[in-house]
Amino acid sequence: MTKSSKEKERLSIDVQPDEHRLIKMYAAHHGVSIRVYVLESVRKRLSEDEEVKQLSAMTTYAGTVLKELWDNDKDAAYDNL
C-alpha cells in the first residue's frame, strides 16, 4: 500500500536545551510556532542548496563553453598580457 501525497511523515530530532531555547526565542520573535519556524528554516535551506546546485551546474557548463571559445591560437596572444 502506498502513501497518498496528503499523508505526512513524522520527523523527530533531539536538541540541546540551549538550542531549544534559542529556536523557541526566534520562533516567538517571528510570531510563529517552533514547528512552523523550523519547517520554514529547513525549506529555505533546501531551496538555497538547490539554487547553489543549479548555479554550479550553469557555471560549469559556461566554463566549458568559454574554455572552448578562448582556447585557440588566435586568442593565445592575450595570454601573455
PDB file of N, CA and C in Angstrom:
ATOM      1  N   MET A   1       0.841  -1.176   0.000  1.00  0.00           N
ATOM      2  CA  MET A   1       0.000   0.000   0.000  1.00  0.00           C
ATOM      3  C   MET A   1       0.889   1.243   0.000  1.00  0.00           C
ATOM      4  N   THR A   2       0.667   2.142  -0.926  1.00  0.00           N
ATOM      5  CA  THR A   2       1.472   3.361  -0.993  1.00  0.00           C
ATOM      6  C   THR A   2       0.770   4.487  -0.264  1.00  0.00           C
ATOM      7  N   LYS A   3       1.583   5.406   0.216  1.00  0.00           N
ATOM      8  CA  LYS A   3       1.027   6.544   0.929  1.00  0.00           C
ATOM      9  C   LYS A   3       0.534   7.581  -0.072  1.00  0.00           C
ATOM     10  N   SER A   4      -0.569   8.213   0.239  1.00  0.00           N
ATOM     11  CA  SER A   4      -1.045   9.282  -0.637  1.00  0.00           C
ATOM     12  C   SER A   4      -0.203  10.530  -0.396  1.00  0.00           C
ATOM     13  N   SER A   5      -0.272  11.460  -1.338  1.00  0.00           N
ATOM     14  CA  SER A   5       0.538  12.673  -1.214  1.00  0.00           C
ATOM     15  C   SER A   5       0.074  13.567  -0.066  1.00  0.00           C
ATOM     16  N   LYS A   6      -1.121  13.317   0.469  1.00  0.00           N
ATOM     17  CA  LYS A   6      -1.629  14.130   1.575  1.00  0.00           C
ATOM     18  C   LYS A   6      -1.120  13.655   2.931  1.00  0.00           C
ATOM     19  N   GLU A   7      -0.613  12.435   2.978  1.00  0.00           N
ATOM     20  CA  GLU A   7      -0.083  11.922   4.227  1.00  0.00           C
ATOM     21  C   GLU A   7       1.268  12.561   4.507  1.00  0.00           C
ATOM     22  N   LYS A   8       1.592  12.683   5.762  1.00  0.00           N
ATOM     23  CA  LYS A   8       2.850  13.307   6.164  1.00  0.00           C
ATOM     24  C   LYS A   8       3.713  12.307   6.907  1.00  0.00           C
ATOM     25  N   GLU A   9       4.992  12.570   6.878  1.00  0.00           N
ATOM     26  CA  GLU A   9       5.957  11.784   7.643  1.00  0.00           C
ATOM     27  C   GLU A   9       6.290  12.553   8.914  1.00  0.00           C
ATOM     28  N   ARG A  10       6.580  11.845   9.970  1.00  0.00           N
ATOM     29  CA  ARG A  10       6.963  12.478  11.229  1.00  0.00           C
ATOM     30  C   ARG A  10       8.479  12.508  11.315  1.00  0.00           C
ATOM     31  N   LEU A  11       8.995  13.627  11.772  1.00  0.00           N
ATOM     32  CA  LEU A  11      10.430  13.794  11.960  1.00  0.00           C
ATOM     33  C   LEU A  11      10.661  14.255  13.394  1.00  0.00           C
ATOM     34  N   SER A  12      11.490  13.536  14.108  1.00  0.00           N
ATOM     35  CA  SER A  12      11.837  13.919  15.480  1.00  0.00           C
ATOM     36  C   SER A  12      13.331  14.150  15.561  1.00  0.00           C
ATOM     37  N   ILE A  13      13.711  15.216  16.240  1.00  0.00           N
ATOM     38  CA  ILE A  13      15.129  15.476  16.445  1.00  0.00           C
ATOM     39  C   ILE A  13      15.357  15.837  17.905  1.00  0.00           C
ATOM     40  N   ASP A  14      16.526  15.499  18.382  1.00  0.00           N
ATOM     41  CA  ASP A  14      16.920  15.871  19.735  1.00  0.00           C
ATOM     42  C   ASP A  14      17.840  17.071  19.633  1.00  0.00           C
ATOM     43  N   VAL A  15      17.578  18.067  20.490  1.00  0.00           N
ATOM     44  CA  VAL A  15      18.426  19.259  20.521  1.00  0.00           C
ATOM     45  C   VAL A  15      18.824  19.543  21.962  1.00  0.00           C
ATOM     46  N   GLN A  16      19.908  20.264  22.089  1.00  0.00           N
ATOM     47  CA  GLN A  16      20.365  20.673  23.418  1.00  0.00           C
ATOM     48  C   GLN A  16      19.373  21.702  23.993  1.00  0.00           C
ATOM     49  N   PRO A  17      19.243  21.770  25.298  1.00  0.00           N
ATOM     50  CA  PRO A  17      18.323  22.735  25.912  1.00  0.00           C
ATOM     51  C   PRO A  17      18.566  24.176  25.460  1.00  0.00           C
ATOM     52  N   ASP A  18      19.840  24.568  25.332  1.00  0.00           N
ATOM     53  CA  ASP A  18      20.113  25.938  24.904  1.00  0.00           C
ATOM     54  C   ASP A  18      19.708  26.155  23.440  1.00  0.00           C
ATOM     55  N   GLU A  19      19.826  25.119  22.602  1.00  0.00           N
ATOM     56  CA  GLU A  19      19.366  25.229  21.214  1.00  0.00           C
ATOM     57  C   GLU A  19      17.843  25.352  21.176  1.00  0.00           C
ATOM     58  N   HIS A  20      17.176  24.585  22.015  1.00  0.00           N
ATOM     59  CA  HIS A  20      15.713  24.641  22.077  1.00  0.00           C
ATOM     60  C   HIS A  20      15.245  26.029  22.487  1.00  0.00           C
ATOM     61  N   ARG A  21      15.890  26.600  23.503  1.00  0.00           N
ATOM     62  CA  ARG A  21      15.522  27.950  23.941  1.00  0.00           C
ATOM     63  C   ARG A  21      15.730  28.967  22.830  1.00  0.00           C
ATOM     64  N   LEU A  22      16.834  28.846  22.117  1.00  0.00           N
ATOM     65  CA  LEU A  22      17.144  29.770  21.031  1.00  0.00           C
ATOM     66  C   LEU A  22      16.121  29.643  19.896  1.00  0.00           C
ATOM     67  N   ILE A  23      15.792  28.420  19.524  1.00  0.00           N
ATOM     68  CA  ILE A  23      14.790  28.196  18.477  1.00  0.00           C
ATOM     69  C   ILE A  23      13.443  28.759  18.917  1.00  0.00           C
ATOM     70  N   LYS A  24      13.091  28.499  20.163  1.00  0.00           N
ATOM     71  CA  LYS A  24      11.821  28.993  20.703  1.00  0.00           C
ATOM     72  C   LYS A  24      11.793  30.525  20.696  1.00  0.00           C
ATOM     73  N   MET A  25      12.916  31.143  21.050  1.00  0.00           N
ATOM     74  CA  MET A  25      13.007  32.609  21.079  1.00  0.00           C
ATOM     75  C   MET A  25      12.846  33.185  19.665  1.00  0.00           C
ATOM     76  N   TYR A  26      13.542  32.601  18.691  1.00  0.00           N
ATOM     77  CA  TYR A  26      13.440  33.088  17.311  1.00  0.00           C
ATOM     78  C   TYR A  26      12.030  32.877  16.758  1.00  0.00           C
ATOM     79  N   ALA A  27      11.431  31.736  17.059  1.00  0.00           N
ATOM     80  CA  ALA A  27      10.068  31.474  16.603  1.00  0.00           C
ATOM     81  C   ALA A  27       9.109  32.510  17.176  1.00  0.00           C
ATOM     82  N   ALA A  28       9.241  32.781  18.464  1.00  0.00           N
ATOM     83  CA  ALA A  28       8.388  33.782  19.102  1.00  0.00           C
ATOM     84  C   ALA A  28       8.619  35.157  18.486  1.00  0.00           C
ATOM     85  N   HIS A  29       9.861  35.476  18.218  1.00  0.00           N
ATOM     86  CA  HIS A  29      10.190  36.763  17.596  1.00  0.00           C
ATOM     87  C   HIS A  29       9.510  36.911  16.230  1.00  0.00           C
ATOM     88  N   HIS A  30       9.397  35.793  15.500  1.00  0.00           N
ATOM     89  CA  HIS A  30       8.744  35.819  14.192  1.00  0.00           C
ATOM     90  C   HIS A  30       7.235  35.590  14.291  1.00  0.00           C
ATOM     91  N   GLY A  31       6.755  35.363  15.502  1.00  0.00           N
ATOM     92  CA  GLY A  31       5.318  35.198  15.716  1.00  0.00           C
ATOM     93  C   GLY A  31       4.760  33.882  15.196  1.00  0.00           C
ATOM     94  N   VAL A  32       5.585  32.852  15.204  1.00  0.00           N
ATOM     95  CA  VAL A  32       5.140  31.539  14.727  1.00  0.00           C
ATOM     96  C   VAL A  32       5.510  30.479  15.758  1.00  0.00           C
ATOM     97  N   SER A  33       4.952  29.299  15.571  1.00  0.00           N
ATOM     98  CA  SER A  33       5.288  28.183  16.458  1.00  0.00           C
ATOM     99  C   SER A  33       6.684  27.666  16.127  1.00  0.00           C
ATOM    100  N   ILE A  34       7.240  26.883  17.041  1.00  0.00           N
ATOM    101  CA  ILE A  34       8.541  26.261  16.795  1.00  0.00           C
ATOM    102  C   ILE A  34       8.449  25.390  15.542  1.00  0.00           C
ATOM    103  N   ARG A  35       7.369  24.643  15.417  1.00  0.00           N
ATOM    104  CA  ARG A  35       7.184  23.759  14.262  1.00  0.00           C
ATOM    105  C   ARG A  35       7.263  24.555  12.960  1.00  0.00           C
ATOM    106  N   VAL A  36       6.509  25.637  12.873  1.00  0.00           N
ATOM    107  CA  VAL A  36       6.485  26.456  11.659  1.00  0.00           C
ATOM    108  C   VAL A  36       7.857  27.078  11.413  1.00  0.00           C
ATOM    109  N   TYR A  37       8.486  27.578  12.466  1.00  0.00           N
ATOM    110  CA  TYR A  37       9.802  28.208  12.319  1.00  0.00           C
ATOM    111  C   TYR A  37      10.839  27.213  11.785  1.00  0.00           C
ATOM    112  N   VAL A  38      10.849  26.017  12.350  1.00  0.00           N
ATOM    113  CA  VAL A  38      11.816  25.004  11.922  1.00  0.00           C
ATOM    114  C   VAL A  38      11.523  24.567  10.482  1.00  0.00           C
ATOM    115  N   LEU A  39      10.259  24.311  10.154  1.00  0.00           N
ATOM    116  CA  LEU A  39       9.919  23.909   8.790  1.00  0.00           C
ATOM    117  C   LEU A  39      10.295  24.983   7.776  1.00  0.00           C
ATOM    118  N   GLU A  40       9.989  26.246   8.085  1.00  0.00           N
ATOM    119  CA  GLU A  40      10.347  27.334   7.175  1.00  0.00           C
ATOM    120  C   GLU A  40      11.860  27.438   7.013  1.00  0.00           C
ATOM    121  N   SER A  41      12.579  27.255   8.104  1.00  0.00           N
ATOM    122  CA  SER A  41      14.041  27.327   8.052  1.00  0.00           C
ATOM    123  C   SER A  41      14.619  26.207   7.195  1.00  0.00           C
ATOM    124  N   VAL A  42      14.101  25.004   7.368  1.00  0.00           N
ATOM    125  CA  VAL A  42      14.590  23.866   6.597  1.00  0.00           C
ATOM    126  C   VAL A  42      14.242  24.054   5.117  1.00  0.00           C
ATOM    127  N   ARG A  43      13.019  24.482   4.842  1.00  0.00           N
ATOM    128  CA  ARG A  43      12.619  24.696   3.442  1.00  0.00           C
ATOM    129  C   ARG A  43      13.473  25.774   2.787  1.00  0.00           C
ATOM    130  N   LYS A  44      13.773  26.827   3.526  1.00  0.00           N
ATOM    131  CA  LYS A  44      14.620  27.899   2.985  1.00  0.00           C
ATOM    132  C   LYS A  44      16.006  27.346   2.660  1.00  0.00           C
ATOM    133  N   ARG A  45      16.565  26.574   3.575  1.00  0.00           N
ATOM    134  CA  ARG A  45      17.894  25.998   3.356  1.00  0.00           C
ATOM    135  C   ARG A  45      17.895  25.048   2.164  1.00  0.00           C
ATOM    136  N   LEU A  46      16.861  24.226   2.056  1.00  0.00           N
ATOM    137  CA  LEU A  46      16.768  23.301   0.931  1.00  0.00           C
ATOM    138  C   LEU A  46      16.684  24.052  -0.393  1.00  0.00           C
ATOM    139  N   SER A  47      15.923  25.132  -0.412  1.00  0.00           N
ATOM    140  CA  SER A  47      15.797  25.904  -1.640  1.00  0.00           C
ATOM    141  C   SER A  47      17.108  26.604  -1.983  1.00  0.00           C
ATOM    142  N   GLU A  48      17.818  27.105  -0.970  1.00  0.00           N
ATOM    143  CA  GLU A  48      19.124  27.740  -1.212  1.00  0.00           C
ATOM    144  C   GLU A  48      20.123  26.716  -1.737  1.00  0.00           C
ATOM    145  N   ASP A  49      20.125  25.526  -1.152  1.00  0.00           N
ATOM    146  CA  ASP A  49      21.034  24.476  -1.600  1.00  0.00           C
ATOM    147  C   ASP A  49      20.739  24.091  -3.050  1.00  0.00           C
ATOM    148  N   GLU A  50      19.456  24.013  -3.396  1.00  0.00           N
ATOM    149  CA  GLU A  50      19.076  23.678  -4.766  1.00  0.00           C
ATOM    150  C   GLU A  50      19.510  24.787  -5.720  1.00  0.00           C
ATOM    151  N   GLU A  51      19.367  26.043  -5.283  1.00  0.00           N
ATOM    152  CA  GLU A  51      19.786  27.173  -6.114  1.00  0.00           C
ATOM    153  C   GLU A  51      21.294  27.137  -6.351  1.00  0.00           C
ATOM    154  N   VAL A  52      22.057  26.843  -5.313  1.00  0.00           N
ATOM    155  CA  VAL A  52      23.513  26.749  -5.449  1.00  0.00           C
ATOM    156  C   VAL A  52      23.869  25.620  -6.418  1.00  0.00           C
ATOM    157  N   LYS A  53      23.178  24.506  -6.296  1.00  0.00           N
ATOM    158  CA  LYS A  53      23.420  23.370  -7.186  1.00  0.00           C
ATOM    159  C   LYS A  53      23.156  23.764  -8.640  1.00  0.00           C
ATOM    160  N   GLN A  54      22.052  24.476  -8.890  1.00  0.00           N
ATOM    161  CA  GLN A  54      21.723  24.898 -10.244  1.00  0.00           C
ATOM    162  C   GLN A  54      22.737  25.909 -10.771  1.00  0.00           C
ATOM    163  N   LEU A  55      23.144  26.859  -9.913  1.00  0.00           N
ATOM    164  CA  LEU A  55      24.150  27.838 -10.333  1.00  0.00           C
ATOM    165  C   LEU A  55      25.471  27.169 -10.649  1.00  0.00           C
ATOM    166  N   SER A  56      25.837  26.204  -9.844  1.00  0.00           N
ATOM    167  CA  SER A  56      27.076  25.479 -10.075  1.00  0.00           C
ATOM    168  C   SER A  56      27.036  24.758 -11.420  1.00  0.00           C
ATOM    169  N   ALA A  57      25.911  24.141 -11.717  1.00  0.00           N
ATOM    170  CA  ALA A  57      25.768  23.435 -12.990  1.00  0.00           C
ATOM    171  C   ALA A  57      25.865  24.415 -14.149  1.00  0.00           C
ATOM    172  N   MET A  58      25.260  25.592 -13.987  1.00  0.00           N
ATOM    173  CA  MET A  58      25.305  26.593 -15.061  1.00  0.00           C
ATOM    174  C   MET A  58      26.719  27.117 -15.265  1.00  0.00           C
ATOM    175  N   THR A  59      27.430  27.402 -14.190  1.00  0.00           N
ATOM    176  CA  THR A  59      28.784  27.941 -14.346  1.00  0.00           C
ATOM    177  C   THR A  59      29.744  26.892 -14.856  1.00  0.00           C
ATOM    178  N   THR A  60      29.530  25.641 -14.505  1.00  0.00           N
ATOM    179  CA  THR A  60      30.376  24.574 -15.030  1.00  0.00           C
ATOM    180  C   THR A  60      30.184  24.478 -16.538  1.00  0.00           C
ATOM    181  N   TYR A  61      28.937  24.524 -16.972  1.00  0.00           N
ATOM    182  CA  TYR A  61      28.653  24.461 -18.404  1.00  0.00           C
ATOM    183  C   TYR A  61      29.220  25.685 -19.111  1.00  0.00           C
ATOM    184  N   ALA A  62      28.990  26.872 -18.552  1.00  0.00           N
ATOM    185  CA  ALA A  62      29.507  28.105 -19.151  1.00  0.00           C
ATOM    186  C   ALA A  62      31.029  28.068 -19.209  1.00  0.00           C
ATOM    187  N   GLY A  63      31.654  27.550 -18.167  1.00  0.00           N
ATOM    188  CA  GLY A  63      33.109  27.452 -18.140  1.00  0.00           C
ATOM    189  C   GLY A  63      33.627  26.573 -19.252  1.00  0.00           C
ATOM    190  N   THR A  64      32.926  25.488 -19.529  1.00  0.00           N
ATOM    191  CA  THR A  64      33.317  24.584 -20.608  1.00  0.00           C
ATOM    192  C   THR A  64      33.169  25.266 -21.961  1.00  0.00           C
ATOM    193  N   VAL A  65      32.068  25.963 -22.149  1.00  0.00           N
ATOM    194  CA  VAL A  65      31.826  26.659 -23.408  1.00  0.00           C
ATOM    195  C   VAL A  65      32.860  27.763 -23.604  1.00  0.00           C
ATOM    196  N   LEU A  66      33.093  28.565 -22.565  1.00  0.00           N
ATOM    197  CA  LEU A  66      34.059  29.657 -22.680  1.00  0.00           C
ATOM    198  C   LEU A  66      35.467  29.124 -22.912  1.00  0.00           C
ATOM    199  N   LYS A  67      35.812  28.021 -22.259  1.00  0.00           N
ATOM    200  CA  LYS A  67      37.135  27.431 -22.450  1.00  0.00           C
ATOM    201  C   LYS A  67      37.330  27.059 -23.918  1.00  0.00           C
ATOM    202  N   GLU A  68      36.306  26.473 -24.501  1.00  0.00           N
ATOM    203  CA  GLU A  68      36.389  26.110 -25.921  1.00  0.00           C
ATOM    204  C   GLU A  68      36.553  27.346 -26.805  1.00  0.00           C
ATOM    205  N   LEU A  69      35.856  28.437 -26.441  1.00  0.00           N
ATOM    206  CA  LEU A  69      35.958  29.668 -27.236  1.00  0.00           C
ATOM    207  C   LEU A  69      37.324  30.332 -27.091  1.00  0.00           C
ATOM    208  N   TRP A  70      37.849  30.342 -25.889  1.00  0.00           N
ATOM    209  CA  TRP A  70      39.090  31.062 -25.611  1.00  0.00           C
ATOM    210  C   TRP A  70      40.346  30.245 -25.868  1.00  0.00           C
ATOM    211  N   ASP A  71      40.201  28.940 -25.904  1.00  0.00           N
ATOM    212  CA  ASP A  71      41.370  28.069 -26.041  1.00  0.00           C
ATOM    213  C   ASP A  71      41.678  27.849 -27.528  1.00  0.00           C
ATOM    214  N   ASN A  72      42.202  28.892 -28.167  1.00  0.00           N
ATOM    215  CA  ASN A  72      42.554  28.765 -29.579  1.00  0.00           C
ATOM    216  C   ASN A  72      43.784  29.620 -29.857  1.00  0.00           C
ATOM    217  N   ASP A  73      44.407  29.391 -31.000  1.00  0.00           N
ATOM    218  CA  ASP A  73      45.654  30.088 -31.344  1.00  0.00           C
ATOM    219  C   ASP A  73      45.465  31.598 -31.468  1.00  0.00           C
ATOM    220  N   LYS A  74      44.351  32.010 -31.990  1.00  0.00           N
ATOM    221  CA  LYS A  74      44.108  33.437 -32.206  1.00  0.00           C
ATOM    222  C   LYS A  74      44.075  34.203 -30.883  1.00  0.00           C
ATOM    223  N   ASP A  75      43.457  33.633 -29.866  1.00  0.00           N
ATOM    224  CA  ASP A  75      43.361  34.298 -28.566  1.00  0.00           C
ATOM    225  C   ASP A  75      44.575  34.044 -27.686  1.00  0.00           C
ATOM    226  N   ALA A  76      45.500  33.198 -28.110  1.00  0.00           N
ATOM    227  CA  ALA A  76      46.680  32.897 -27.315  1.00  0.00           C
ATOM    228  C   ALA A  76      47.537  34.137 -27.091  1.00  0.00           C
ATOM    229  N   ALA A  77      47.460  35.102 -27.972  1.00  0.00           N
ATOM    230  CA  ALA A  77      48.233  36.348 -27.835  1.00  0.00           C
ATOM    231  C   ALA A  77      47.836  37.089 -26.559  1.00  0.00           C
ATOM    232  N   TYR A  78      46.600  36.949 -26.129  1.00  0.00           N
ATOM    233  CA  TYR A  78      46.127  37.637 -24.918  1.00  0.00           C
ATOM    234  C   TYR A  78      46.601  36.972 -23.635  1.00  0.00           C
ATOM    235  N   ASP A  79      47.067  35.755 -23.716  1.00  0.00           N
ATOM    236  CA  ASP A  79      47.526  35.025 -22.540  1.00  0.00           C
ATOM    237  C   ASP A  79      48.758  35.675 -21.913  1.00  0.00           C
ATOM    238  N   ASN A  80      49.547  36.388 -22.678  1.00  0.00           N
ATOM    239  CA  ASN A  80      50.796  36.989 -22.186  1.00  0.00           C
ATOM    240  C   ASN A  80      50.631  38.427 -21.709  1.00  0.00           C
ATOM    241  N   LEU A  81      49.444  38.969 -21.794  1.00  0.00           N
ATOM    242  CA  LEU A  81      49.223  40.359 -21.359  1.00  0.00           C
ATOM    243  C   LEU A  81      49.195  40.503 -19.871  1.00  0.00           C
TER     244      LEU A  81
END
